[in-house]
Amino acid sequence: MSGGCVAIELPSEVFELARRMAARDGLDVVALLTELVTRHAEYVDTLSDVESPRWQPSPDRYELQRDPGEGGEDFEERLSLFR
C-alpha cells in the first residue's frame, strides 16, 4: 500500500452513522473506516484460509455422540443435519 489518500462518496446517512460511531469510539471517520475495512479484510482472508480444501473438515472423520437421555428418533434427526 502506498499510504496515499483517495476520496470516496458515501450516502449522507451512512457518513452520519460513521461520524456518530467514530465519536463514540473517540476516533475520526477516516480512522474508523480504515480500521473497519482492514479488520474486514483480515476476517475474509482468514475465512478463505479456513474454507480452502486443506482445512475443510470432513463429516466422515467425526462420530456424532448421543446426548444423555436422547432417544433414537431424536438422535437420527440430529444426525440428519450433518448428512
PDB file of N, CA and C in Angstrom:
ATOM      1  N   MET A   1       0.835  -1.179   0.000  1.00  0.00           N
ATOM      2  CA  MET A   1       0.000   0.000   0.000  1.00  0.00           C
ATOM      3  C   MET A   1       0.880   1.242   0.000  1.00  0.00           C
ATOM      4  N   SER A   2       0.485   2.215  -0.759  1.00  0.00           N
ATOM      5  CA  SER A   2       1.311   3.408  -0.902  1.00  0.00           C
ATOM      6  C   SER A   2       1.150   4.386   0.248  1.00  0.00           C
ATOM      7  N   GLY A   3       0.052   4.319   0.969  1.00  0.00           N
ATOM      8  CA  GLY A   3      -0.156   5.244   2.069  1.00  0.00           C
ATOM      9  C   GLY A   3      -0.805   6.538   1.631  1.00  0.00           C
ATOM     10  N   GLY A   4      -1.089   6.680   0.349  1.00  0.00           N
ATOM     11  CA  GLY A   4      -1.770   7.867  -0.147  1.00  0.00           C
ATOM     12  C   GLY A   4      -3.243   7.845   0.224  1.00  0.00           C
ATOM     13  N   CYS A   5      -3.927   8.907  -0.091  1.00  0.00           N
ATOM     14  CA  CYS A   5      -5.354   9.015   0.217  1.00  0.00           C
ATOM     15  C   CYS A   5      -6.147   9.169  -1.063  1.00  0.00           C
ATOM     16  N   VAL A   6      -7.364   8.680  -1.043  1.00  0.00           N
ATOM     17  CA  VAL A   6      -8.303   8.862  -2.136  1.00  0.00           C
ATOM     18  C   VAL A   6      -9.623   9.329  -1.548  1.00  0.00           C
ATOM     19  N   ALA A   7     -10.413   9.990  -2.360  1.00  0.00           N
ATOM     20  CA  ALA A   7     -11.727  10.450  -1.925  1.00  0.00           C
ATOM     21  C   ALA A   7     -12.768   9.404  -2.326  1.00  0.00           C
ATOM     22  N   ILE A   8     -13.723   9.178  -1.444  1.00  0.00           N
ATOM     23  CA  ILE A   8     -14.827   8.285  -1.769  1.00  0.00           C
ATOM     24  C   ILE A   8     -16.131   9.015  -1.493  1.00  0.00           C
ATOM     25  N   GLU A   9     -17.187   8.573  -2.133  1.00  0.00           N
ATOM     26  CA  GLU A   9     -18.504   9.149  -1.886  1.00  0.00           C
ATOM     27  C   GLU A   9     -19.318   8.167  -1.068  1.00  0.00           C
ATOM     28  N   LEU A  10     -19.925   8.666  -0.016  1.00  0.00           N
ATOM     29  CA  LEU A  10     -20.818   7.875   0.824  1.00  0.00           C
ATOM     30  C   LEU A  10     -22.167   8.581   0.874  1.00  0.00           C
ATOM     31  N   PRO A  11     -23.223   7.812   0.955  1.00  0.00           N
ATOM     32  CA  PRO A  11     -24.520   8.457   1.196  1.00  0.00           C
ATOM     33  C   PRO A  11     -24.450   9.234   2.517  1.00  0.00           C
ATOM     34  N   SER A  12     -25.111  10.366   2.580  1.00  0.00           N
ATOM     35  CA  SER A  12     -25.013  11.225   3.763  1.00  0.00           C
ATOM     36  C   SER A  12     -25.447  10.512   5.033  1.00  0.00           C
ATOM     37  N   GLU A  13     -26.452   9.637   4.946  1.00  0.00           N
ATOM     38  CA  GLU A  13     -26.887   8.937   6.155  1.00  0.00           C
ATOM     39  C   GLU A  13     -25.830   7.928   6.635  1.00  0.00           C
ATOM     40  N   VAL A  14     -25.079   7.344   5.710  1.00  0.00           N
ATOM     41  CA  VAL A  14     -24.004   6.423   6.086  1.00  0.00           C
ATOM     42  C   VAL A  14     -22.862   7.213   6.731  1.00  0.00           C
ATOM     43  N   PHE A  15     -22.526   8.354   6.159  1.00  0.00           N
ATOM     44  CA  PHE A  15     -21.477   9.179   6.739  1.00  0.00           C
ATOM     45  C   PHE A  15     -21.862   9.634   8.140  1.00  0.00           C
ATOM     46  N   GLU A  16     -23.121  10.031   8.317  1.00  0.00           N
ATOM     47  CA  GLU A  16     -23.573  10.480   9.635  1.00  0.00           C
ATOM     48  C   GLU A  16     -23.496   9.344  10.653  1.00  0.00           C
ATOM     49  N   LEU A  17     -23.857   8.163  10.244  1.00  0.00           N
ATOM     50  CA  LEU A  17     -23.751   6.993  11.120  1.00  0.00           C
ATOM     51  C   LEU A  17     -22.281   6.725  11.464  1.00  0.00           C
ATOM     52  N   ALA A  18     -21.410   6.796  10.474  1.00  0.00           N
ATOM     53  CA  ALA A  18     -19.974   6.589  10.707  1.00  0.00           C
ATOM     54  C   ALA A  18     -19.434   7.670  11.641  1.00  0.00           C
ATOM     55  N   ARG A  19     -19.878   8.903  11.455  1.00  0.00           N
ATOM     56  CA  ARG A  19     -19.422  10.005  12.313  1.00  0.00           C
ATOM     57  C   ARG A  19     -19.827   9.765  13.767  1.00  0.00           C
ATOM     58  N   ARG A  20     -21.076   9.317  13.986  1.00  0.00           N
ATOM     59  CA  ARG A  20     -21.540   9.043  15.351  1.00  0.00           C
ATOM     60  C   ARG A  20     -20.784   7.883  15.986  1.00  0.00           C
ATOM     61  N   MET A  21     -20.558   6.814  15.211  1.00  0.00           N
ATOM     62  CA  MET A  21     -19.833   5.659  15.741  1.00  0.00           C
ATOM     63  C   MET A  21     -18.377   6.013  16.039  1.00  0.00           C
ATOM     64  N   ALA A  22     -17.778   6.801  15.167  1.00  0.00           N
ATOM     65  CA  ALA A  22     -16.394   7.226  15.385  1.00  0.00           C
ATOM     66  C   ALA A  22     -16.292   8.068  16.650  1.00  0.00           C
ATOM     67  N   ALA A  23     -17.221   8.999  16.835  1.00  0.00           N
ATOM     68  CA  ALA A  23     -17.211   9.849  18.026  1.00  0.00           C
ATOM     69  C   ALA A  23     -17.373   9.001  19.286  1.00  0.00           C
ATOM     70  N   ARG A  24     -18.224   7.996  19.215  1.00  0.00           N
ATOM     71  CA  ARG A  24     -18.431   7.106  20.361  1.00  0.00           C
ATOM     72  C   ARG A  24     -17.130   6.396  20.748  1.00  0.00           C
ATOM     73  N   ASP A  25     -16.333   6.041  19.723  1.00  0.00           N
ATOM     74  CA  ASP A  25     -15.072   5.329  19.966  1.00  0.00           C
ATOM     75  C   ASP A  25     -13.874   6.263  20.098  1.00  0.00           C
ATOM     76  N   GLY A  26     -14.115   7.576  20.059  1.00  0.00           N
ATOM     77  CA  GLY A  26     -13.018   8.531  20.191  1.00  0.00           C
ATOM     78  C   GLY A  26     -12.124   8.579  18.962  1.00  0.00           C
ATOM     79  N   LEU A  27     -12.702   8.306  17.783  1.00  0.00           N
ATOM     80  CA  LEU A  27     -11.941   8.299  16.526  1.00  0.00           C
ATOM     81  C   LEU A  27     -12.522   9.328  15.580  1.00  0.00           C
ATOM     82  N   ASP A  28     -11.804   9.583  14.492  1.00  0.00           N
ATOM     83  CA  ASP A  28     -12.414  10.341  13.404  1.00  0.00           C
ATOM     84  C   ASP A  28     -12.937   9.327  12.385  1.00  0.00           C
ATOM     85  N   VAL A  29     -13.705   9.786  11.437  1.00  0.00           N
ATOM     86  CA  VAL A  29     -14.341   8.895  10.465  1.00  0.00           C
ATOM     87  C   VAL A  29     -13.295   8.139   9.646  1.00  0.00           C
ATOM     88  N   VAL A  30     -12.221   8.800   9.257  1.00  0.00           N
ATOM     89  CA  VAL A  30     -11.182   8.143   8.465  1.00  0.00           C
ATOM     90  C   VAL A  30     -10.574   6.980   9.250  1.00  0.00           C
ATOM     91  N   ALA A  31     -10.255   7.207  10.512  1.00  0.00           N
ATOM     92  CA  ALA A  31      -9.677   6.139  11.334  1.00  0.00           C
ATOM     93  C   ALA A  31     -10.657   4.993  11.516  1.00  0.00           C
ATOM     94  N   LEU A  32     -11.928   5.317  11.753  1.00  0.00           N
ATOM     95  CA  LEU A  32     -12.947   4.284  11.922  1.00  0.00           C
ATOM     96  C   LEU A  32     -13.075   3.432  10.660  1.00  0.00           C
ATOM     97  N   LEU A  33     -13.223   4.081   9.504  1.00  0.00           N
ATOM     98  CA  LEU A  33     -13.392   3.335   8.260  1.00  0.00           C
ATOM     99  C   LEU A  33     -12.139   2.543   7.910  1.00  0.00           C
ATOM    100  N   THR A  34     -10.971   3.116   8.168  1.00  0.00           N
ATOM    101  CA  THR A  34      -9.724   2.390   7.917  1.00  0.00           C
ATOM    102  C   THR A  34      -9.663   1.135   8.760  1.00  0.00           C
ATOM    103  N   GLU A  35      -9.995   1.254  10.046  1.00  0.00           N
ATOM    104  CA  GLU A  35      -9.971   0.108  10.947  1.00  0.00           C
ATOM    105  C   GLU A  35     -11.007  -0.942  10.527  1.00  0.00           C
ATOM    106  N   LEU A  36     -12.211  -0.494  10.188  1.00  0.00           N
ATOM    107  CA  LEU A  36     -13.263  -1.429   9.793  1.00  0.00           C
ATOM    108  C   LEU A  36     -12.909  -2.200   8.523  1.00  0.00           C
ATOM    109  N   VAL A  37     -12.420  -1.499   7.524  1.00  0.00           N
ATOM    110  CA  VAL A  37     -12.081  -2.154   6.259  1.00  0.00           C
ATOM    111  C   VAL A  37     -10.902  -3.101   6.451  1.00  0.00           C
ATOM    112  N   THR A  38      -9.904  -2.667   7.217  1.00  0.00           N
ATOM    113  CA  THR A  38      -8.745  -3.525   7.481  1.00  0.00           C
ATOM    114  C   THR A  38      -9.161  -4.776   8.231  1.00  0.00           C
ATOM    115  N   ARG A  39      -9.979  -4.608   9.268  1.00  0.00           N
ATOM    116  CA  ARG A  39     -10.432  -5.751  10.062  1.00  0.00           C
ATOM    117  C   ARG A  39     -11.281  -6.703   9.210  1.00  0.00           C
ATOM    118  N   HIS A  40     -12.141  -6.143   8.368  1.00  0.00           N
ATOM    119  CA  HIS A  40     -12.970  -6.984   7.498  1.00  0.00           C
ATOM    120  C   HIS A  40     -12.104  -7.763   6.505  1.00  0.00           C
ATOM    121  N   ALA A  41     -11.094  -7.117   5.951  1.00  0.00           N
ATOM    122  CA  ALA A  41     -10.199  -7.798   5.007  1.00  0.00           C
ATOM    123  C   ALA A  41      -9.468  -8.952   5.696  1.00  0.00           C
ATOM    124  N   GLU A  42      -9.013  -8.731   6.917  1.00  0.00           N
ATOM    125  CA  GLU A  42      -8.343  -9.800   7.671  1.00  0.00           C
ATOM    126  C   GLU A  42      -9.303 -10.954   7.945  1.00  0.00           C
ATOM    127  N   TYR A  43     -10.538 -10.626   8.272  1.00  0.00           N
ATOM    128  CA  TYR A  43     -11.574 -11.631   8.535  1.00  0.00           C
ATOM    129  C   TYR A  43     -11.837 -12.471   7.286  1.00  0.00           C
ATOM    130  N   VAL A  44     -12.006 -11.799   6.146  1.00  0.00           N
ATOM    131  CA  VAL A  44     -12.258 -12.511   4.889  1.00  0.00           C
ATOM    132  C   VAL A  44     -11.069 -13.384   4.516  1.00  0.00           C
ATOM    133  N   ASP A  45      -9.857 -12.873   4.685  1.00  0.00           N
ATOM    134  CA  ASP A  45      -8.660 -13.666   4.402  1.00  0.00           C
ATOM    135  C   ASP A  45      -8.606 -14.903   5.286  1.00  0.00           C
ATOM    136  N   THR A  46      -8.936 -14.737   6.561  1.00  0.00           N
ATOM    137  CA  THR A  46      -8.937 -15.877   7.487  1.00  0.00           C
ATOM    138  C   THR A  46      -9.966 -16.902   7.066  1.00  0.00           C
ATOM    139  N   LEU A  47     -11.161 -16.444   6.708  1.00  0.00           N
ATOM    140  CA  LEU A  47     -12.196 -17.377   6.253  1.00  0.00           C
ATOM    141  C   LEU A  47     -11.777 -18.083   4.968  1.00  0.00           C
ATOM    142  N   SER A  48     -11.101 -17.390   4.094  1.00  0.00           N
ATOM    143  CA  SER A  48     -10.634 -18.001   2.854  1.00  0.00           C
ATOM    144  C   SER A  48      -9.660 -19.129   3.151  1.00  0.00           C
ATOM    145  N   ASP A  49      -8.791 -18.924   4.148  1.00  0.00           N
ATOM    146  CA  ASP A  49      -7.848 -19.967   4.551  1.00  0.00           C
ATOM    147  C   ASP A  49      -8.585 -21.164   5.130  1.00  0.00           C
ATOM    148  N   VAL A  50      -9.590 -20.902   5.959  1.00  0.00           N
ATOM    149  CA  VAL A  50     -10.345 -21.979   6.600  1.00  0.00           C
ATOM    150  C   VAL A  50     -11.152 -22.760   5.570  1.00  0.00           C
ATOM    151  N   GLU A  51     -11.663 -22.063   4.545  1.00  0.00           N
ATOM    152  CA  GLU A  51     -12.500 -22.710   3.550  1.00  0.00           C
ATOM    153  C   GLU A  51     -11.706 -23.442   2.477  1.00  0.00           C
ATOM    154  N   SER A  52     -10.393 -23.289   2.479  1.00  0.00           N
ATOM    155  CA  SER A  52      -9.602 -23.975   1.477  1.00  0.00           C
ATOM    156  C   SER A  52      -9.681 -25.483   1.730  1.00  0.00           C
ATOM    157  N   PRO A  53      -9.522 -26.300   0.680  1.00  0.00           N
ATOM    158  CA  PRO A  53      -9.662 -27.752   0.833  1.00  0.00           C
ATOM    159  C   PRO A  53      -8.769 -28.352   1.911  1.00  0.00           C
ATOM    160  N   ARG A  54      -7.600 -27.798   2.141  1.00  0.00           N
ATOM    161  CA  ARG A  54      -6.718 -28.381   3.143  1.00  0.00           C
ATOM    162  C   ARG A  54      -7.267 -28.219   4.558  1.00  0.00           C
ATOM    163  N   TRP A  55      -8.164 -27.256   4.771  1.00  0.00           N
ATOM    164  CA  TRP A  55      -8.747 -27.033   6.082  1.00  0.00           C
ATOM    165  C   TRP A  55     -10.172 -27.549   6.189  1.00  0.00           C
ATOM    166  N   GLN A  56     -10.716 -28.060   5.111  1.00  0.00           N
ATOM    167  CA  GLN A  56     -12.116 -28.470   5.087  1.00  0.00           C
ATOM    168  C   GLN A  56     -12.331 -29.709   5.957  1.00  0.00           C
ATOM    169  N   PRO A  57     -13.112 -29.593   7.034  1.00  0.00           N
ATOM    170  CA  PRO A  57     -13.378 -30.784   7.844  1.00  0.00           C
ATOM    171  C   PRO A  57     -14.298 -31.729   7.089  1.00  0.00           C
ATOM    172  N   SER A  58     -14.097 -32.986   7.286  1.00  0.00           N
ATOM    173  CA  SER A  58     -14.929 -33.992   6.639  1.00  0.00           C
ATOM    174  C   SER A  58     -15.821 -34.644   7.686  1.00  0.00           C
ATOM    175  N   PRO A  59     -17.133 -34.703   7.425  1.00  0.00           N
ATOM    176  CA  PRO A  59     -18.017 -35.345   8.394  1.00  0.00           C
ATOM    177  C   PRO A  59     -17.668 -36.812   8.612  1.00  0.00           C
ATOM    178  N   ASP A  60     -16.993 -37.416   7.654  1.00  0.00           N
ATOM    179  CA  ASP A  60     -16.605 -38.818   7.788  1.00  0.00           C
ATOM    180  C   ASP A  60     -15.555 -39.012   8.878  1.00  0.00           C
ATOM    181  N   ARG A  61     -14.891 -37.932   9.277  1.00  0.00           N
ATOM    182  CA  ARG A  61     -13.821 -38.030  10.271  1.00  0.00           C
ATOM    183  C   ARG A  61     -14.342 -37.874  11.694  1.00  0.00           C
ATOM    184  N   TYR A  62     -15.641 -37.640  11.832  1.00  0.00           N
ATOM    185  CA  TYR A  62     -16.213 -37.396  13.147  1.00  0.00           C
ATOM    186  C   TYR A  62     -17.363 -38.356  13.411  1.00  0.00           C
ATOM    187  N   GLU A  63     -17.554 -38.668  14.668  1.00  0.00           N
ATOM    188  CA  GLU A  63     -18.661 -39.524  15.063  1.00  0.00           C
ATOM    189  C   GLU A  63     -19.557 -38.714  15.990  1.00  0.00           C
ATOM    190  N   LEU A  64     -20.817 -38.595  15.627  1.00  0.00           N
ATOM    191  CA  LEU A  64     -21.768 -37.858  16.441  1.00  0.00           C
ATOM    192  C   LEU A  64     -22.131 -38.702  17.655  1.00  0.00           C
ATOM    193  N   GLN A  65     -22.011 -38.127  18.816  1.00  0.00           N
ATOM    194  CA  GLN A  65     -22.325 -38.867  20.030  1.00  0.00           C
ATOM    195  C   GLN A  65     -23.741 -38.572  20.480  1.00  0.00           C
ATOM    196  N   ARG A  66     -24.374 -39.578  20.998  1.00  0.00           N
ATOM    197  CA  ARG A  66     -25.741 -39.437  21.501  1.00  0.00           C
ATOM    198  C   ARG A  66     -25.699 -38.660  22.823  1.00  0.00           C
ATOM    199  N   ASP A  67     -26.583 -37.685  22.952  1.00  0.00           N
ATOM    200  CA  ASP A  67     -26.697 -36.940  24.201  1.00  0.00           C
ATOM    201  C   ASP A  67     -27.337 -37.829  25.259  1.00  0.00           C
ATOM    202  N   PRO A  68     -26.969 -37.635  26.521  1.00  0.00           N
ATOM    203  CA  PRO A  68     -27.582 -38.433  27.576  1.00  0.00           C
ATOM    204  C   PRO A  68     -29.103 -38.273  27.562  1.00  0.00           C
ATOM    205  N   GLY A  69     -29.804 -39.373  27.562  1.00  0.00           N
ATOM    206  CA  GLY A  69     -31.269 -39.348  27.568  1.00  0.00           C
ATOM    207  C   GLY A  69     -31.901 -39.100  26.208  1.00  0.00           C
ATOM    208  N   GLU A  70     -31.091 -38.990  25.167  1.00  0.00           N
ATOM    209  CA  GLU A  70     -31.616 -38.717  23.826  1.00  0.00           C
ATOM    210  C   GLU A  70     -32.148 -40.011  23.213  1.00  0.00           C
ATOM    211  N   GLY A  71     -33.371 -39.965  22.728  1.00  0.00           N
ATOM    212  CA  GLY A  71     -33.976 -41.132  22.092  1.00  0.00           C
ATOM    213  C   GLY A  71     -33.432 -41.347  20.696  1.00  0.00           C
ATOM    214  N   GLY A  72     -33.679 -42.540  20.163  1.00  0.00           N
ATOM    215  CA  GLY A  72     -33.183 -42.889  18.835  1.00  0.00           C
ATOM    216  C   GLY A  72     -33.692 -41.979  17.745  1.00  0.00           C
ATOM    217  N   GLU A  73     -34.973 -41.611  17.813  1.00  0.00           N
ATOM    218  CA  GLU A  73     -35.556 -40.741  16.788  1.00  0.00           C
ATOM    219  C   GLU A  73     -34.921 -39.350  16.825  1.00  0.00           C
ATOM    220  N   ASP A  74     -34.721 -38.816  18.039  1.00  0.00           N
ATOM    221  CA  ASP A  74     -34.088 -37.501  18.171  1.00  0.00           C
ATOM    222  C   ASP A  74     -32.648 -37.537  17.676  1.00  0.00           C
ATOM    223  N   PHE A  75     -31.950 -38.611  18.003  1.00  0.00           N
ATOM    224  CA  PHE A  75     -30.568 -38.758  17.560  1.00  0.00           C
ATOM    225  C   PHE A  75     -30.501 -38.805  16.034  1.00  0.00           C
ATOM    226  N   GLU A  76     -31.373 -39.575  15.413  1.00  0.00           N
ATOM    227  CA  GLU A  76     -31.384 -39.682  13.953  1.00  0.00           C
ATOM    228  C   GLU A  76     -31.715 -38.345  13.305  1.00  0.00           C
ATOM    229  N   GLU A  77     -32.637 -37.604  13.911  1.00  0.00           N
ATOM    230  CA  GLU A  77     -32.994 -36.284  13.375  1.00  0.00           C
ATOM    231  C   GLU A  77     -31.796 -35.342  13.432  1.00  0.00           C
ATOM    232  N   ARG A  78     -31.092 -35.347  14.558  1.00  0.00           N
ATOM    233  CA  ARG A  78     -29.899 -34.505  14.704  1.00  0.00           C
ATOM    234  C   ARG A  78     -28.805 -34.958  13.748  1.00  0.00           C
ATOM    235  N   LEU A  79     -28.634 -36.249  13.611  1.00  0.00           N
ATOM    236  CA  LEU A  79     -27.633 -36.800  12.710  1.00  0.00           C
ATOM    237  C   LEU A  79     -27.912 -36.409  11.265  1.00  0.00           C
ATOM    238  N   SER A  80     -29.186 -36.327  10.893  1.00  0.00           N
ATOM    239  CA  SER A  80     -29.553 -35.984   9.515  1.00  0.00           C
ATOM    240  C   SER A  80     -29.125 -34.561   9.146  1.00  0.00           C
ATOM    241  N   LEU A  81     -28.935 -33.713  10.142  1.00  0.00           N
ATOM    242  CA  LEU A  81     -28.495 -32.338   9.875  1.00  0.00           C
ATOM    243  C   LEU A  81     -27.096 -32.280   9.293  1.00  0.00           C
ATOM    244  N   PHE A  82     -26.328 -33.334   9.499  1.00  0.00           N
ATOM    245  CA  PHE A  82     -24.935 -33.368   9.047  1.00  0.00           C
ATOM    246  C   PHE A  82     -24.739 -34.205   7.790  1.00  0.00           C
ATOM    247  N   ARG A  83     -25.805 -34.710   7.238  1.00  0.00           N
ATOM    248  CA  ARG A  83     -25.695 -35.538   6.027  1.00  0.00           C
ATOM    249  C   ARG A  83     -25.864 -34.696   4.792  1.00  0.00           C
TER     250      ARG A  83
END
